[in-house]
Amino acid sequence: MKKRLTVFVLIFLCLLLIALLINKNKADNESESKSYLSFVSSVQTLDRSLDLIQEDQEPDKIAEGMFDVYTSFVFSSFRLDIFFKSNAPRSINLEVLVNEFLLIRTRYEPLVRNQITNKDDFKSEIHAKFKRQIHLFVNELPEKYENSKGFVEKLNKATEHIKPLIS
């Protein structure tokens, strides 16, 4: 009788442990999915901010728009960092993308500073390059997070579009 009870308790505990692990994995995936969607949303805002800057605008408006773009870069980097940290124990290696976003930010900041100090010196060709590459990056990003090889491949393909902004 005691053997049956012991076996029953052990089976019950094993099933409970399995259920808890499944629930934890589900919660982890939800958290990663939310942080990824937040990153995508912030990059889409960055893309829209770049679209708002036009060469024929007043220099002060261009400077304002460029500052907005810069703050969008900062926010996107922040959201990517959160996604990276929520995904740290997983299989997706985001260190390269995190580093590239930081580098892009440091490449864009002098452009903003130049526009503020030299109002009539808008670098339209450089702005067009940022606009084009970020737009391509946004269009290639996977729509939703998946812990899969396909997701990683799509993310890596999208990342290729921001590499020209670093060099």
C-alpha atoms as a PDB file:
ATOM      1  CA  MET A   1       0.000   0.000   0.000  1.00  0.00           C
ATOM      2  CA  LYS A   2       2.808   2.413   0.890  1.00  0.00           C
ATOM      3  CA  LYS A   3       4.635   1.514  -2.348  1.00  0.00           C
ATOM      4  CA  ARG A   4       1.583   2.426  -4.416  1.00  0.00           C
ATOM      5  CA  LEU A   5       1.180   5.703  -2.569  1.00  0.00           C
ATOM      6  CA  THR A   6       4.885   6.517  -3.010  1.00  0.00           C
ATOM      7  CA  VAL A   7       4.741   5.707  -6.738  1.00  0.00           C
ATOM      8  CA  PHE A   8       1.581   7.792  -7.105  1.00  0.00           C
ATOM      9  CA  VAL A   9       3.186  10.779  -5.300  1.00  0.00           C
ATOM     10  CA  LEU A  10       6.344  10.507  -7.427  1.00  0.00           C
ATOM     11  CA  ILE A  11       4.338  10.391 -10.659  1.00  0.00           C
ATOM     12  CA  PHE A  12       2.247  13.342  -9.497  1.00  0.00           C
ATOM     13  CA  LEU A  13       5.374  15.364  -8.624  1.00  0.00           C
ATOM     14  CA  CYS A  14       6.969  14.566 -12.002  1.00  0.00           C
ATOM     15  CA  LEU A  15       3.841  15.669 -13.864  1.00  0.00           C
ATOM     16  CA  LEU A  16       3.658  18.828 -11.765  1.00  0.00           C
ATOM     17  CA  LEU A  17       7.308  19.594 -12.510  1.00  0.00           C
ATOM     18  CA  ILE A  18       6.754  19.087 -16.252  1.00  0.00           C
ATOM     19  CA  ALA A  19       3.710  21.371 -16.179  1.00  0.00           C
ATOM     20  CA  LEU A  20       5.695  24.070 -14.359  1.00  0.00           C
ATOM     21  CA  LEU A  21       8.548  23.863 -16.880  1.00  0.00           C
ATOM     22  CA  ILE A  22       6.131  24.129 -19.811  1.00  0.00           C
ATOM     23  CA  ASN A  23       4.465  27.147 -18.201  1.00  0.00           C
ATOM     24  CA  LYS A  24       7.854  28.805 -17.589  1.00  0.00           C
ATOM     25  CA  ASN A  25       8.903  28.286 -21.230  1.00  0.00           C
ATOM     26  CA  LYS A  26       5.598  29.764 -22.375  1.00  0.00           C
ATOM     27  CA  ALA A  27       6.121  32.828 -20.147  1.00  0.00           C
ATOM     28  CA  ASP A  28       9.711  33.233 -21.407  1.00  0.00           C
ATOM     29  CA  ASN A  29       8.552  33.099 -25.038  1.00  0.00           C
ATOM     30  CA  GLU A  30       5.825  35.664 -24.323  1.00  0.00           C
ATOM     31  CA  SER A  31       8.344  38.012 -22.726  1.00  0.00           C
ATOM     32  CA  GLU A  32      10.767  37.616 -25.628  1.00  0.00           C
ATOM     33  CA  SER A  33       7.956  38.128 -28.112  1.00  0.00           C
ATOM     34  CA  LYS A  34       6.832  41.343 -26.406  1.00  0.00           C
ATOM     35  CA  SER A  35      10.353  42.740 -26.232  1.00  0.00           C
ATOM     36  CA  TYR A  36      10.960  41.863 -29.900  1.00  0.00           C
ATOM     37  CA  LEU A  37       7.704  43.507 -31.001  1.00  0.00           C
ATOM     38  CA  SER A  38       8.658  46.585 -28.994  1.00  0.00           C
ATOM     39  CA  PHE A  39      11.997  46.699 -30.808  1.00  0.00           C
ATOM     40  CA  VAL A  40      10.286  46.343 -34.204  1.00  0.00           C
ATOM     41  CA  SER A  41       7.846  49.109 -33.312  1.00  0.00           C
ATOM     42  CA  SER A  42      10.674  51.442 -32.291  1.00  0.00           C
ATOM     43  CA  VAL A  43      12.553  50.770 -35.551  1.00  0.00           C
ATOM     44  CA  GLN A  44       9.355  51.436 -37.518  1.00  0.00           C
ATOM     45  CA  THR A  45       9.104  54.783 -35.697  1.00  0.00           C
ATOM     46  CA  LEU A  46      12.716  55.452 -36.649  1.00  0.00           C
ATOM     47  CA  ASP A  47      11.866  54.691 -40.291  1.00  0.00           C
ATOM     48  CA  ARG A  48       8.887  57.086 -40.193  1.00  0.00           C
ATOM     49  CA  SER A  49      11.013  59.788 -38.549  1.00  0.00           C
ATOM     50  CA  LEU A  50      13.576  59.519 -41.346  1.00  0.00           C
ATOM     51  CA  ASP A  51      10.763  59.831 -43.916  1.00  0.00           C
ATOM     52  CA  LEU A  52       9.619  63.115 -42.384  1.00  0.00           C
ATOM     53  CA  ILE A  53      12.900  64.892 -43.136  1.00  0.00           C
ATOM     54  CA  GLN A  54      12.844  66.602 -46.527  1.00  0.00           C
ATOM     55  CA  GLU A  55      15.669  68.527 -48.170  1.00  0.00           C
ATOM     56  CA  ASP A  56      13.407  71.483 -48.987  1.00  0.00           C
ATOM     57  CA  GLN A  57      12.434  72.101 -45.351  1.00  0.00           C
ATOM     58  CA  GLU A  58      13.701  75.009 -43.297  1.00  0.00           C
ATOM     59  CA  PRO A  59      17.101  74.230 -41.725  1.00  0.00           C
ATOM     60  CA  ASP A  60      15.622  74.397 -38.213  1.00  0.00           C
ATOM     61  CA  LYS A  61      12.935  71.865 -39.172  1.00  0.00           C
ATOM     62  CA  ILE A  62      15.573  69.573 -40.615  1.00  0.00           C
ATOM     63  CA  ALA A  63      17.590  69.833 -37.392  1.00  0.00           C
ATOM     64  CA  GLU A  64      14.474  69.039 -35.322  1.00  0.00           C
ATOM     65  CA  GLY A  65      13.709  66.041 -37.503  1.00  0.00           C
ATOM     66  CA  MET A  66      17.279  64.794 -37.295  1.00  0.00           C
ATOM     67  CA  PHE A  67      17.192  65.115 -33.518  1.00  0.00           C
ATOM     68  CA  ASP A  68      13.975  63.067 -33.502  1.00  0.00           C
ATOM     69  CA  VAL A  69      15.701  60.443 -35.636  1.00  0.00           C
ATOM     70  CA  TYR A  70      18.630  60.381 -33.223  1.00  0.00           C
ATOM     71  CA  THR A  71      16.323  59.865 -30.234  1.00  0.00           C
ATOM     72  CA  SER A  72      14.619  57.066 -32.184  1.00  0.00           C
ATOM     73  CA  PHE A  73      18.028  55.444 -32.693  1.00  0.00           C
ATOM     74  CA  VAL A  74      18.657  55.687 -28.956  1.00  0.00           C
ATOM     75  CA  PHE A  75      15.246  54.207 -28.114  1.00  0.00           C
ATOM     76  CA  SER A  76      15.616  51.418 -30.685  1.00  0.00           C
ATOM     77  CA  SER A  77      19.012  50.526 -29.221  1.00  0.00           C
ATOM     78  CA  PHE A  78      17.458  50.456 -25.771  1.00  0.00           C
ATOM     79  CA  ARG A  79      14.616  48.172 -26.936  1.00  0.00           C
ATOM     80  CA  LEU A  80      17.095  45.895 -28.731  1.00  0.00           C
ATOM     81  CA  ASP A  81      19.162  45.686 -25.564  1.00  0.00           C
ATOM     82  CA  ILE A  82      16.075  44.599 -23.607  1.00  0.00           C
ATOM     83  CA  PHE A  83      15.337  41.943 -26.229  1.00  0.00           C
ATOM     84  CA  PHE A  84      18.980  40.831 -26.084  1.00  0.00           C
ATOM     85  CA  LYS A  85      18.880  40.504 -22.308  1.00  0.00           C
ATOM     86  CA  SER A  86      15.577  38.604 -22.350  1.00  0.00           C
ATOM     87  CA  ASN A  87      17.070  36.267 -24.944  1.00  0.00           C
ATOM     88  CA  ALA A  88      20.544  35.901 -23.420  1.00  0.00           C
ATOM     89  CA  PRO A  89      20.285  32.237 -22.420  1.00  0.00           C
ATOM     90  CA  ARG A  90      18.757  31.274 -25.768  1.00  0.00           C
ATOM     91  CA  SER A  91      20.259  30.323 -29.075  1.00  0.00           C
ATOM     92  CA  ILE A  92      19.937  33.681 -30.854  1.00  0.00           C
ATOM     93  CA  ASN A  93      23.158  35.665 -30.932  1.00  0.00           C
ATOM     94  CA  LEU A  94      22.206  39.342 -30.914  1.00  0.00           C
ATOM     95  CA  GLU A  95      25.543  40.806 -29.855  1.00  0.00           C
ATOM     96  CA  VAL A  96      26.456  41.816 -33.409  1.00  0.00           C
ATOM     97  CA  LEU A  97      23.135  43.573 -34.006  1.00  0.00           C
ATOM     98  CA  VAL A  98      23.310  45.350 -30.641  1.00  0.00           C
ATOM     99  CA  ASN A  99      26.833  46.531 -31.451  1.00  0.00           C
ATOM    100  CA  GLU A 100      25.851  47.681 -34.939  1.00  0.00           C
ATOM    101  CA  PHE A 101      22.960  49.742 -33.600  1.00  0.00           C
ATOM    102  CA  LEU A 102      25.343  51.443 -31.184  1.00  0.00           C
ATOM    103  CA  LEU A 103      27.735  52.159 -34.041  1.00  0.00           C
ATOM    104  CA  ILE A 104      24.957  53.581 -36.216  1.00  0.00           C
ATOM    105  CA  ARG A 105      23.942  55.866 -33.375  1.00  0.00           C
ATOM    106  CA  THR A 106      27.496  57.165 -33.095  1.00  0.00           C
ATOM    107  CA  ARG A 107      27.600  57.700 -36.887  1.00  0.00           C
ATOM    108  CA  TYR A 108      24.355  59.664 -36.912  1.00  0.00           C
ATOM    109  CA  GLU A 109      25.099  61.923 -33.943  1.00  0.00           C
ATOM    110  CA  PRO A 110      27.743  64.069 -35.756  1.00  0.00           C
ATOM    111  CA  LEU A 111      25.269  64.605 -38.595  1.00  0.00           C
ATOM    112  CA  VAL A 112      22.756  66.012 -36.119  1.00  0.00           C
ATOM    113  CA  ARG A 113      25.410  68.193 -34.497  1.00  0.00           C
ATOM    114  CA  ASN A 114      26.538  69.456 -37.915  1.00  0.00           C
ATOM    115  CA  GLN A 115      22.961  70.310 -38.909  1.00  0.00           C
ATOM    116  CA  ILE A 116      22.431  72.258 -35.688  1.00  0.00           C
ATOM    117  CA  THR A 117      25.681  74.227 -35.981  1.00  0.00           C
ATOM    118  CA  ASN A 118      25.845  74.592 -39.791  1.00  0.00           C
ATOM    119  CA  LYS A 119      22.203  74.970 -40.698  1.00  0.00           C
ATOM    120  CA  ASP A 120      22.784  75.328 -44.446  1.00  0.00           C
ATOM    121  CA  ASP A 121      24.947  72.207 -44.688  1.00  0.00           C
ATOM    122  CA  PHE A 122      22.366  69.420 -44.924  1.00  0.00           C
ATOM    123  CA  LYS A 123      24.041  66.191 -46.022  1.00  0.00           C
ATOM    124  CA  SER A 124      21.187  64.979 -48.215  1.00  0.00           C
ATOM    125  CA  GLU A 125      23.086  62.040 -49.749  1.00  0.00           C
ATOM    126  CA  ILE A 126      24.029  60.673 -46.321  1.00  0.00           C
ATOM    127  CA  HIS A 127      20.480  61.195 -45.071  1.00  0.00           C
ATOM    128  CA  ALA A 128      19.132  59.371 -48.146  1.00  0.00           C
ATOM    129  CA  LYS A 129      21.476  56.448 -47.409  1.00  0.00           C
ATOM    130  CA  PHE A 130      20.261  56.214 -43.788  1.00  0.00           C
ATOM    131  CA  LYS A 131      16.656  56.466 -44.957  1.00  0.00           C
ATOM    132  CA  ARG A 132      17.070  53.760 -47.607  1.00  0.00           C
ATOM    133  CA  GLN A 133      19.001  51.284 -45.449  1.00  0.00           C
ATOM    134  CA  ILE A 134      16.770  51.618 -42.381  1.00  0.00           C
ATOM    135  CA  HIS A 135      13.706  51.196 -44.600  1.00  0.00           C
ATOM    136  CA  LEU A 136      15.181  48.011 -46.089  1.00  0.00           C
ATOM    137  CA  PHE A 137      16.064  46.790 -42.591  1.00  0.00           C
ATOM    138  CA  VAL A 138      12.493  47.352 -41.356  1.00  0.00           C
ATOM    139  CA  ASN A 139      11.003  45.585 -44.376  1.00  0.00           C
ATOM    140  CA  GLU A 140      13.217  42.514 -43.864  1.00  0.00           C
ATOM    141  CA  LEU A 141      12.614  42.128 -40.117  1.00  0.00           C
ATOM    142  CA  PRO A 142      10.596  39.044 -39.163  1.00  0.00           C
ATOM    143  CA  GLU A 143       7.035  40.011 -38.244  1.00  0.00           C
ATOM    144  CA  LYS A 144       7.020  38.121 -34.966  1.00  0.00           C
ATOM    145  CA  TYR A 145       9.446  36.420 -32.647  1.00  0.00           C
ATOM    146  CA  GLU A 146      10.055  32.699 -32.936  1.00  0.00           C
ATOM    147  CA  ASN A 147      12.730  30.674 -31.239  1.00  0.00           C
ATOM    148  CA  SER A 148      13.735  29.055 -34.519  1.00  0.00           C
ATOM    149  CA  LYS A 149      16.487  28.894 -37.084  1.00  0.00           C
ATOM    150  CA  GLY A 150      14.215  30.573 -39.647  1.00  0.00           C
ATOM    151  CA  PHE A 151      13.747  33.590 -37.376  1.00  0.00           C
ATOM    152  CA  VAL A 152      17.512  33.901 -36.900  1.00  0.00           C
ATOM    153  CA  GLU A 153      18.098  33.675 -40.661  1.00  0.00           C
ATOM    154  CA  LYS A 154      15.525  36.421 -41.368  1.00  0.00           C
ATOM    155  CA  LEU A 155      16.967  38.629 -38.631  1.00  0.00           C
ATOM    156  CA  ASN A 156      20.497  38.142 -39.986  1.00  0.00           C
ATOM    157  CA  LYS A 157      19.299  38.956 -43.506  1.00  0.00           C
ATOM    158  CA  ALA A 158      17.704  42.176 -42.235  1.00  0.00           C
ATOM    159  CA  THR A 159      20.888  43.073 -40.363  1.00  0.00           C
ATOM    160  CA  GLU A 160      22.832  43.030 -43.637  1.00  0.00           C
ATOM    161  CA  HIS A 161      20.978  46.226 -44.633  1.00  0.00           C
ATOM    162  CA  ILE A 162      22.396  48.265 -41.774  1.00  0.00           C
ATOM    163  CA  LYS A 163      26.024  47.252 -42.320  1.00  0.00           C
ATOM    164  CA  PRO A 164      26.552  49.918 -45.054  1.00  0.00           C
ATOM    165  CA  LEU A 165      25.697  52.595 -42.492  1.00  0.00           C
ATOM    166  CA  ILE A 166      28.652  51.599 -40.331  1.00  0.00           C
ATOM    167  CA  SER A 167      31.362  51.754 -42.954  1.00  0.00           C
END
